[in-house]
Amino acid sequence: MHNGSVSVIDAVRQSVSLPRHLATKVRSMAKTRRLSANRILLEHIENGSEADKRKEREFFDLAEKFRAATDPDEVRALGERMGRMVFGG
């Protein structure tokens, strides 16, 4: 049996405690989309994981451009972008 991207056979039961306001949002989204709260949580975890991988790829691509750059203005601009990625802002 397959329910999206994780098969039931491969599933591992995991317990997680959520702050009340977040649990309320999850239940509300589940009701609106006619899905289980577990499915909503799984989708959000998967999306977050994909976003993290995408950010990591973007950072390494930027770092490669930074290393290859020779123009001082470009080096400064790329360095600032990398700093914002790492430290925010």
PDB file of N, CA and C in Angstrom:
ATOM      1  N   MET A   1       0.840  -1.178   0.000  1.00  0.00           N
ATOM      2  CA  MET A   1       0.000   0.000   0.000  1.00  0.00           C
ATOM      3  C   MET A   1       0.885   1.241   0.000  1.00  0.00           C
ATOM      4  N   HIS A   2       0.478   2.244  -0.722  1.00  0.00           N
ATOM      5  CA  HIS A   2       1.278   3.459  -0.844  1.00  0.00           C
ATOM      6  C   HIS A   2       0.396   4.671  -0.620  1.00  0.00           C
ATOM      7  N   ASN A   3       0.803   5.569   0.285  1.00  0.00           N
ATOM      8  CA  ASN A   3      -0.014   6.748   0.578  1.00  0.00           C
ATOM      9  C   ASN A   3       0.793   8.013   0.342  1.00  0.00           C
ATOM     10  N   GLY A   4       1.067   8.331  -0.880  1.00  0.00           N
ATOM     11  CA  GLY A   4       1.883   9.502  -1.166  1.00  0.00           C
ATOM     12  C   GLY A   4       3.304   9.074  -1.417  1.00  0.00           C
ATOM     13  N   SER A   5       4.238   9.607  -0.634  1.00  0.00           N
ATOM     14  CA  SER A   5       5.637   9.308  -0.886  1.00  0.00           C
ATOM     15  C   SER A   5       6.217   8.278   0.075  1.00  0.00           C
ATOM     16  N   VAL A   6       5.501   7.934   1.135  1.00  0.00           N
ATOM     17  CA  VAL A   6       6.005   6.967   2.109  1.00  0.00           C
ATOM     18  C   VAL A   6       5.067   5.773   2.128  1.00  0.00           C
ATOM     19  N   SER A   7       5.608   4.594   1.882  1.00  0.00           N
ATOM     20  CA  SER A   7       4.749   3.430   1.918  1.00  0.00           C
ATOM     21  C   SER A   7       4.491   3.041   3.369  1.00  0.00           C
ATOM     22  N   VAL A   8       3.350   2.452   3.612  1.00  0.00           N
ATOM     23  CA  VAL A   8       2.969   2.067   4.971  1.00  0.00           C
ATOM     24  C   VAL A   8       3.960   1.058   5.534  1.00  0.00           C
ATOM     25  N   ILE A   9       4.465   0.197   4.690  1.00  0.00           N
ATOM     26  CA  ILE A   9       5.416  -0.822   5.133  1.00  0.00           C
ATOM     27  C   ILE A   9       6.693  -0.169   5.656  1.00  0.00           C
ATOM     28  N   ASP A  10       7.113   0.940   5.061  1.00  0.00           N
ATOM     29  CA  ASP A  10       8.338   1.619   5.462  1.00  0.00           C
ATOM     30  C   ASP A  10       8.125   2.600   6.607  1.00  0.00           C
ATOM     31  N   ALA A  11       6.898   2.780   7.034  1.00  0.00           N
ATOM     32  CA  ALA A  11       6.590   3.794   8.037  1.00  0.00           C
ATOM     33  C   ALA A  11       7.086   3.390   9.416  1.00  0.00           C
ATOM     34  N   VAL A  12       7.536   4.374  10.158  1.00  0.00           N
ATOM     35  CA  VAL A  12       7.949   4.191  11.541  1.00  0.00           C
ATOM     36  C   VAL A  12       7.065   5.101  12.381  1.00  0.00           C
ATOM     37  N   ARG A  13       6.442   4.533  13.370  1.00  0.00           N
ATOM     38  CA  ARG A  13       5.566   5.330  14.233  1.00  0.00           C
ATOM     39  C   ARG A  13       6.418   6.268  15.078  1.00  0.00           C
ATOM     40  N   GLN A  14       6.048   7.534  15.098  1.00  0.00           N
ATOM     41  CA  GLN A  14       6.807   8.545  15.823  1.00  0.00           C
ATOM     42  C   GLN A  14       5.825   9.437  16.557  1.00  0.00           C
ATOM     43  N   SER A  15       6.092   9.694  17.799  1.00  0.00           N
ATOM     44  CA  SER A  15       5.238  10.562  18.590  1.00  0.00           C
ATOM     45  C   SER A  15       5.888  11.933  18.689  1.00  0.00           C
ATOM     46  N   VAL A  16       5.073  12.973  18.573  1.00  0.00           N
ATOM     47  CA  VAL A  16       5.591  14.322  18.675  1.00  0.00           C
ATOM     48  C   VAL A  16       4.584  15.176  19.439  1.00  0.00           C
ATOM     49  N   SER A  17       5.085  16.024  20.311  1.00  0.00           N
ATOM     50  CA  SER A  17       4.218  16.952  21.043  1.00  0.00           C
ATOM     51  C   SER A  17       4.276  18.300  20.348  1.00  0.00           C
ATOM     52  N   LEU A  18       3.113  18.894  20.138  1.00  0.00           N
ATOM     53  CA  LEU A  18       3.025  20.188  19.473  1.00  0.00           C
ATOM     54  C   LEU A  18       2.461  21.224  20.432  1.00  0.00           C
ATOM     55  N   PRO A  19       2.905  22.456  20.299  1.00  0.00           N
ATOM     56  CA  PRO A  19       2.255  23.512  21.072  1.00  0.00           C
ATOM     57  C   PRO A  19       0.770  23.568  20.672  1.00  0.00           C
ATOM     58  N   ARG A  20      -0.073  23.925  21.611  1.00  0.00           N
ATOM     59  CA  ARG A  20      -1.520  23.913  21.389  1.00  0.00           C
ATOM     60  C   ARG A  20      -1.921  24.695  20.139  1.00  0.00           C
ATOM     61  N   HIS A  21      -1.357  25.887  19.946  1.00  0.00           N
ATOM     62  CA  HIS A  21      -1.758  26.709  18.794  1.00  0.00           C
ATOM     63  C   HIS A  21      -1.400  26.031  17.476  1.00  0.00           C
ATOM     64  N   LEU A  22      -0.270  25.321  17.443  1.00  0.00           N
ATOM     65  CA  LEU A  22       0.134  24.627  16.231  1.00  0.00           C
ATOM     66  C   LEU A  22      -0.735  23.393  15.986  1.00  0.00           C
ATOM     67  N   ALA A  23      -1.033  22.660  17.035  1.00  0.00           N
ATOM     68  CA  ALA A  23      -1.910  21.492  16.900  1.00  0.00           C
ATOM     69  C   ALA A  23      -3.282  21.906  16.386  1.00  0.00           C
ATOM     70  N   THR A  24      -3.773  23.050  16.850  1.00  0.00           N
ATOM     71  CA  THR A  24      -5.063  23.561  16.387  1.00  0.00           C
ATOM     72  C   THR A  24      -5.010  23.878  14.900  1.00  0.00           C
ATOM     73  N   LYS A  25      -3.903  24.507  14.456  1.00  0.00           N
ATOM     74  CA  LYS A  25      -3.746  24.819  13.028  1.00  0.00           C
ATOM     75  C   LYS A  25      -3.700  23.545  12.189  1.00  0.00           C
ATOM     76  N   VAL A  26      -2.964  22.552  12.668  1.00  0.00           N
ATOM     77  CA  VAL A  26      -2.833  21.290  11.928  1.00  0.00           C
ATOM     78  C   VAL A  26      -4.198  20.623  11.794  1.00  0.00           C
ATOM     79  N   ARG A  27      -4.946  20.554  12.894  1.00  0.00           N
ATOM     80  CA  ARG A  27      -6.288  19.936  12.825  1.00  0.00           C
ATOM     81  C   ARG A  27      -7.197  20.711  11.884  1.00  0.00           C
ATOM     82  N   SER A  28      -7.116  22.031  11.905  1.00  0.00           N
ATOM     83  CA  SER A  28      -7.943  22.859  11.035  1.00  0.00           C
ATOM     84  C   SER A  28      -7.594  22.618   9.562  1.00  0.00           C
ATOM     85  N   MET A  29      -6.305  22.573   9.260  1.00  0.00           N
ATOM     86  CA  MET A  29      -5.885  22.301   7.878  1.00  0.00           C
ATOM     87  C   MET A  29      -6.327  20.912   7.446  1.00  0.00           C
ATOM     88  N   ALA A  30      -6.195  19.950   8.335  1.00  0.00           N
ATOM     89  CA  ALA A  30      -6.599  18.582   8.013  1.00  0.00           C
ATOM     90  C   ALA A  30      -8.093  18.526   7.704  1.00  0.00           C
ATOM     91  N   LYS A  31      -8.874  19.196   8.509  1.00  0.00           N
ATOM     92  CA  LYS A  31     -10.326  19.195   8.296  1.00  0.00           C
ATOM     93  C   LYS A  31     -10.668  19.865   6.966  1.00  0.00           C
ATOM     94  N   THR A  32     -10.044  21.016   6.704  1.00  0.00           N
ATOM     95  CA  THR A  32     -10.309  21.745   5.464  1.00  0.00           C
ATOM     96  C   THR A  32      -9.948  20.915   4.239  1.00  0.00           C
ATOM     97  N   ARG A  33      -8.827  20.217   4.305  1.00  0.00           N
ATOM     98  CA  ARG A  33      -8.354  19.434   3.151  1.00  0.00           C
ATOM     99  C   ARG A  33      -8.850  17.994   3.168  1.00  0.00           C
ATOM    100  N   ARG A  34      -9.616  17.663   4.209  1.00  0.00           N
ATOM    101  CA  ARG A  34     -10.152  16.296   4.365  1.00  0.00           C
ATOM    102  C   ARG A  34      -9.043  15.241   4.362  1.00  0.00           C
ATOM    103  N   LEU A  35      -8.021  15.541   5.161  1.00  0.00           N
ATOM    104  CA  LEU A  35      -6.898  14.634   5.356  1.00  0.00           C
ATOM    105  C   LEU A  35      -6.720  14.412   6.847  1.00  0.00           C
ATOM    106  N   SER A  36      -5.894  13.457   7.205  1.00  0.00           N
ATOM    107  CA  SER A  36      -5.594  13.255   8.619  1.00  0.00           C
ATOM    108  C   SER A  36      -4.557  14.276   9.062  1.00  0.00           C
ATOM    109  N   ALA A  37      -4.523  14.539  10.343  1.00  0.00           N
ATOM    110  CA  ALA A  37      -3.508  15.427  10.893  1.00  0.00           C
ATOM    111  C   ALA A  37      -2.118  14.856  10.627  1.00  0.00           C
ATOM    112  N   ASN A  38      -1.984  13.540  10.697  1.00  0.00           N
ATOM    113  CA  ASN A  38      -0.698  12.904  10.407  1.00  0.00           C
ATOM    114  C   ASN A  38      -0.243  13.205   8.991  1.00  0.00           C
ATOM    115  N   ARG A  39      -1.166  13.151   8.041  1.00  0.00           N
ATOM    116  CA  ARG A  39      -0.827  13.413   6.640  1.00  0.00           C
ATOM    117  C   ARG A  39      -0.380  14.864   6.464  1.00  0.00           C
ATOM    118  N   ILE A  40      -1.058  15.791   7.132  1.00  0.00           N
ATOM    119  CA  ILE A  40      -0.673  17.203   7.070  1.00  0.00           C
ATOM    120  C   ILE A  40       0.740  17.380   7.617  1.00  0.00           C
ATOM    121  N   LEU A  41       1.020  16.775   8.775  1.00  0.00           N
ATOM    122  CA  LEU A  41       2.360  16.874   9.360  1.00  0.00           C
ATOM    123  C   LEU A  41       3.410  16.278   8.429  1.00  0.00           C
ATOM    124  N   LEU A  42       3.116  15.134   7.848  1.00  0.00           N
ATOM    125  CA  LEU A  42       4.055  14.485   6.941  1.00  0.00           C
ATOM    126  C   LEU A  42       4.348  15.375   5.742  1.00  0.00           C
ATOM    127  N   GLU A  43       3.321  15.969   5.158  1.00  0.00           N
ATOM    128  CA  GLU A  43       3.524  16.861   4.014  1.00  0.00           C
ATOM    129  C   GLU A  43       4.413  18.042   4.393  1.00  0.00           C
ATOM    130  N   HIS A  44       4.165  18.619   5.561  1.00  0.00           N
ATOM    131  CA  HIS A  44       4.961  19.765   5.983  1.00  0.00           C
ATOM    132  C   HIS A  44       6.413  19.373   6.257  1.00  0.00           C
ATOM    133  N   ILE A  45       6.613  18.219   6.828  1.00  0.00           N
ATOM    134  CA  ILE A  45       7.976  17.745   7.082  1.00  0.00           C
ATOM    135  C   ILE A  45       8.693  17.501   5.757  1.00  0.00           C
ATOM    136  N   GLU A  46       8.011  16.851   4.821  1.00  0.00           N
ATOM    137  CA  GLU A  46       8.617  16.590   3.513  1.00  0.00           C
ATOM    138  C   GLU A  46       8.944  17.897   2.798  1.00  0.00           C
ATOM    139  N   ASN A  47       8.018  18.849   2.813  1.00  0.00           N
ATOM    140  CA  ASN A  47       8.251  20.138   2.157  1.00  0.00           C
ATOM    141  C   ASN A  47       9.403  20.884   2.802  1.00  0.00           C
ATOM    142  N   GLY A  48       9.483  20.836   4.120  1.00  0.00           N
ATOM    143  CA  GLY A  48      10.579  21.493   4.824  1.00  0.00           C
ATOM    144  C   GLY A  48      11.915  20.854   4.499  1.00  0.00           C
ATOM    145  N   SER A  49      11.930  19.550   4.402  1.00  0.00           N
ATOM    146  CA  SER A  49      13.161  18.834   4.071  1.00  0.00           C
ATOM    147  C   SER A  49      13.624  19.199   2.663  1.00  0.00           C
ATOM    148  N   GLU A  50      12.680  19.257   1.716  1.00  0.00           N
ATOM    149  CA  GLU A  50      13.020  19.639   0.348  1.00  0.00           C
ATOM    150  C   GLU A  50      13.523  21.075   0.300  1.00  0.00           C
ATOM    151  N   ALA A  51      12.905  21.960   1.070  1.00  0.00           N
ATOM    152  CA  ALA A  51      13.337  23.363   1.108  1.00  0.00           C
ATOM    153  C   ALA A  51      14.748  23.469   1.672  1.00  0.00           C
ATOM    154  N   ASP A  52      15.059  22.692   2.708  1.00  0.00           N
ATOM    155  CA  ASP A  52      16.406  22.694   3.280  1.00  0.00           C
ATOM    156  C   ASP A  52      17.438  22.239   2.248  1.00  0.00           C
ATOM    157  N   LYS A  53      17.124  21.185   1.509  1.00  0.00           N
ATOM    158  CA  LYS A  53      18.038  20.688   0.474  1.00  0.00           C
ATOM    159  C   LYS A  53      18.242  21.737  -0.612  1.00  0.00           C
ATOM    160  N   ARG A  54      17.153  22.401  -1.001  1.00  0.00           N
ATOM    161  CA  ARG A  54      17.222  23.443  -2.033  1.00  0.00           C
ATOM    162  C   ARG A  54      18.107  24.605  -1.554  1.00  0.00           C
ATOM    163  N   LYS A  55      17.932  25.032  -0.296  1.00  0.00           N
ATOM    164  CA  LYS A  55      18.752  26.109   0.262  1.00  0.00           C
ATOM    165  C   LYS A  55      20.225  25.711   0.283  1.00  0.00           C
ATOM    166  N   GLU A  56      20.487  24.476   0.652  1.00  0.00           N
ATOM    167  CA  GLU A  56      21.866  23.998   0.703  1.00  0.00           C
ATOM    168  C   GLU A  56      22.495  24.022  -0.683  1.00  0.00           C
ATOM    169  N   ARG A  57      21.741  23.553  -1.700  1.00  0.00           N
ATOM    170  CA  ARG A  57      22.256  23.579  -3.072  1.00  0.00           C
ATOM    171  C   ARG A  57      22.519  25.022  -3.518  1.00  0.00           C
ATOM    172  N   GLU A  58      21.589  25.931  -3.210  1.00  0.00           N
ATOM    173  CA  GLU A  58      21.757  27.332  -3.576  1.00  0.00           C
ATOM    174  C   GLU A  58      22.994  27.926  -2.914  1.00  0.00           C
ATOM    175  N   PHE A  59      23.222  27.577  -1.651  1.00  0.00           N
ATOM    176  CA  PHE A  59      24.388  28.096  -0.950  1.00  0.00           C
ATOM    177  C   PHE A  59      25.678  27.591  -1.596  1.00  0.00           C
ATOM    178  N   PHE A  60      25.756  26.302  -1.906  1.00  0.00           N
ATOM    179  CA  PHE A  60      26.977  25.768  -2.498  1.00  0.00           C
ATOM    180  C   PHE A  60      27.193  26.305  -3.910  1.00  0.00           C
ATOM    181  N   ASP A  61      26.123  26.524  -4.659  1.00  0.00           N
ATOM    182  CA  ASP A  61      26.249  27.154  -5.976  1.00  0.00           C
ATOM    183  C   ASP A  61      26.796  28.570  -5.831  1.00  0.00           C
ATOM    184  N   LEU A  62      26.274  29.300  -4.855  1.00  0.00           N
ATOM    185  CA  LEU A  62      26.741  30.661  -4.599  1.00  0.00           C
ATOM    186  C   LEU A  62      28.195  30.655  -4.145  1.00  0.00           C
ATOM    187  N   ALA A  63      28.559  29.703  -3.289  1.00  0.00           N
ATOM    188  CA  ALA A  63      29.946  29.601  -2.819  1.00  0.00           C
ATOM    189  C   ALA A  63      30.889  29.317  -3.981  1.00  0.00           C
ATOM    190  N   GLU A  64      30.458  28.512  -4.920  1.00  0.00           N
ATOM    191  CA  GLU A  64      31.279  28.213  -6.096  1.00  0.00           C
ATOM    192  C   GLU A  64      31.473  29.466  -6.946  1.00  0.00           C
ATOM    193  N   LYS A  65      30.405  30.237  -7.125  1.00  0.00           N
ATOM    194  CA  LYS A  65      30.518  31.496  -7.870  1.00  0.00           C
ATOM    195  C   LYS A  65      31.462  32.454  -7.141  1.00  0.00           C
ATOM    196  N   PHE A  66      31.354  32.493  -5.810  1.00  0.00           N
ATOM    197  CA  PHE A  66      32.211  33.355  -4.990  1.00  0.00           C
ATOM    198  C   PHE A  66      33.678  32.986  -5.187  1.00  0.00           C
ATOM    199  N   ARG A  67      33.974  31.689  -5.142  1.00  0.00           N
ATOM    200  CA  ARG A  67      35.366  31.228  -5.306  1.00  0.00           C
ATOM    201  C   ARG A  67      35.907  31.536  -6.697  1.00  0.00           C
ATOM    202  N   ALA A  68      35.019  31.484  -7.699  1.00  0.00           N
ATOM    203  CA  ALA A  68      35.461  31.692  -9.080  1.00  0.00           C
ATOM    204  C   ALA A  68      35.511  33.171  -9.466  1.00  0.00           C
ATOM    205  N   ALA A  69      34.875  34.026  -8.685  1.00  0.00           N
ATOM    206  CA  ALA A  69      34.786  35.446  -9.031  1.00  0.00           C
ATOM    207  C   ALA A  69      36.144  36.125  -8.909  1.00  0.00           C
ATOM    208  N   THR A  70      36.412  37.035  -9.843  1.00  0.00           N
ATOM    209  CA  THR A  70      37.665  37.798  -9.806  1.00  0.00           C
ATOM    210  C   THR A  70      37.409  39.296  -9.682  1.00  0.00           C
ATOM    211  N   ASP A  71      36.257  39.746 -10.093  1.00  0.00           N
ATOM    212  CA  ASP A  71      35.904  41.161 -10.002  1.00  0.00           C
ATOM    213  C   ASP A  71      35.622  41.513  -8.537  1.00  0.00           C
ATOM    214  N   PRO A  72      36.314  42.500  -7.973  1.00  0.00           N
ATOM    215  CA  PRO A  72      36.128  42.849  -6.553  1.00  0.00           C
ATOM    216  C   PRO A  72      34.675  43.200  -6.193  1.00  0.00           C
ATOM    217  N   ASP A  73      33.976  43.888  -7.078  1.00  0.00           N
ATOM    218  CA  ASP A  73      32.574  44.230  -6.798  1.00  0.00           C
ATOM    219  C   ASP A  73      31.702  42.982  -6.747  1.00  0.00           C
ATOM    220  N   GLU A  74      31.972  42.057  -7.657  1.00  0.00           N
ATOM    221  CA  GLU A  74      31.211  40.801  -7.676  1.00  0.00           C
ATOM    222  C   GLU A  74      31.528  39.973  -6.432  1.00  0.00           C
ATOM    223  N   VAL A  75      32.801  39.927  -6.040  1.00  0.00           N
ATOM    224  CA  VAL A  75      33.216  39.187  -4.842  1.00  0.00           C
ATOM    225  C   VAL A  75      32.495  39.748  -3.619  1.00  0.00           C
ATOM    226  N   ARG A  76      32.462  41.091  -3.511  1.00  0.00           N
ATOM    227  CA  ARG A  76      31.795  41.735  -2.378  1.00  0.00           C
ATOM    228  C   ARG A  76      30.299  41.410  -2.371  1.00  0.00           C
ATOM    229  N   ALA A  77      29.661  41.535  -3.537  1.00  0.00           N
ATOM    230  CA  ALA A  77      28.218  41.274  -3.621  1.00  0.00           C
ATOM    231  C   ALA A  77      27.900  39.814  -3.291  1.00  0.00           C
ATOM    232  N   LEU A  78      28.691  38.900  -3.824  1.00  0.00           N
ATOM    233  CA  LEU A  78      28.466  37.478  -3.540  1.00  0.00           C
ATOM    234  C   LEU A  78      28.727  37.168  -2.069  1.00  0.00           C
ATOM    235  N   GLY A  79      29.765  37.779  -1.511  1.00  0.00           N
ATOM    236  CA  GLY A  79      30.061  37.586  -0.089  1.00  0.00           C
ATOM    237  C   GLY A  79      28.923  38.084   0.791  1.00  0.00           C
ATOM    238  N   GLU A  80      28.340  39.216   0.416  1.00  0.00           N
ATOM    239  CA  GLU A  80      27.202  39.740   1.176  1.00  0.00           C
ATOM    240  C   GLU A  80      25.996  38.805   1.076  1.00  0.00           C
ATOM    241  N   ARG A  81      25.751  38.278  -0.124  1.00  0.00           N
ATOM    242  CA  ARG A  81      24.634  37.330  -0.287  1.00  0.00           C
ATOM    243  C   ARG A  81      24.854  36.084   0.562  1.00  0.00           C
ATOM    244  N   MET A  82      26.090  35.580   0.571  1.00  0.00           N
ATOM    245  CA  MET A  82      26.389  34.395   1.385  1.00  0.00           C
ATOM    246  C   MET A  82      26.186  34.713   2.859  1.00  0.00           C
ATOM    247  N   GLY A  83      26.633  35.888   3.282  1.00  0.00           N
ATOM    248  CA  GLY A  83      26.451  36.278   4.677  1.00  0.00           C
ATOM    249  C   GLY A  83      24.986  36.338   5.067  1.00  0.00           C
ATOM    250  N   ARG A  84      24.147  36.883   4.180  1.00  0.00           N
ATOM    251  CA  ARG A  84      22.707  36.941   4.467  1.00  0.00           C
ATOM    252  C   ARG A  84      22.108  35.535   4.539  1.00  0.00           C
ATOM    253  N   MET A  85      22.617  34.628   3.691  1.00  0.00           N
ATOM    254  CA  MET A  85      22.106  33.253   3.736  1.00  0.00           C
ATOM    255  C   MET A  85      22.477  32.579   5.047  1.00  0.00           C
ATOM    256  N   VAL A  86      23.673  32.849   5.532  1.00  0.00           N
ATOM    257  CA  VAL A  86      24.151  32.183   6.745  1.00  0.00           C
ATOM    258  C   VAL A  86      23.600  32.851   8.007  1.00  0.00           C
ATOM    259  N   PHE A  87      23.657  34.183   8.043  1.00  0.00           N
ATOM    260  CA  PHE A  87      23.330  34.896   9.264  1.00  0.00           C
ATOM    261  C   PHE A  87      21.982  35.623   9.222  1.00  0.00           C
ATOM    262  N   GLY A  88      21.317  35.580   8.072  1.00  0.00           N
ATOM    263  CA  GLY A  88      20.039  36.281   7.937  1.00  0.00           C
ATOM    264  C   GLY A  88      20.251  37.754   7.705  1.00  0.00           C
ATOM    265  N   GLY A  89      19.148  38.437   7.509  1.00  0.00           N
ATOM    266  CA  GLY A  89      19.263  39.892   7.348  1.00  0.00           C
ATOM    267  C   GLY A  89      18.893  40.402   6.012  1.00  0.00           C
TER     268      GLY A  89
END
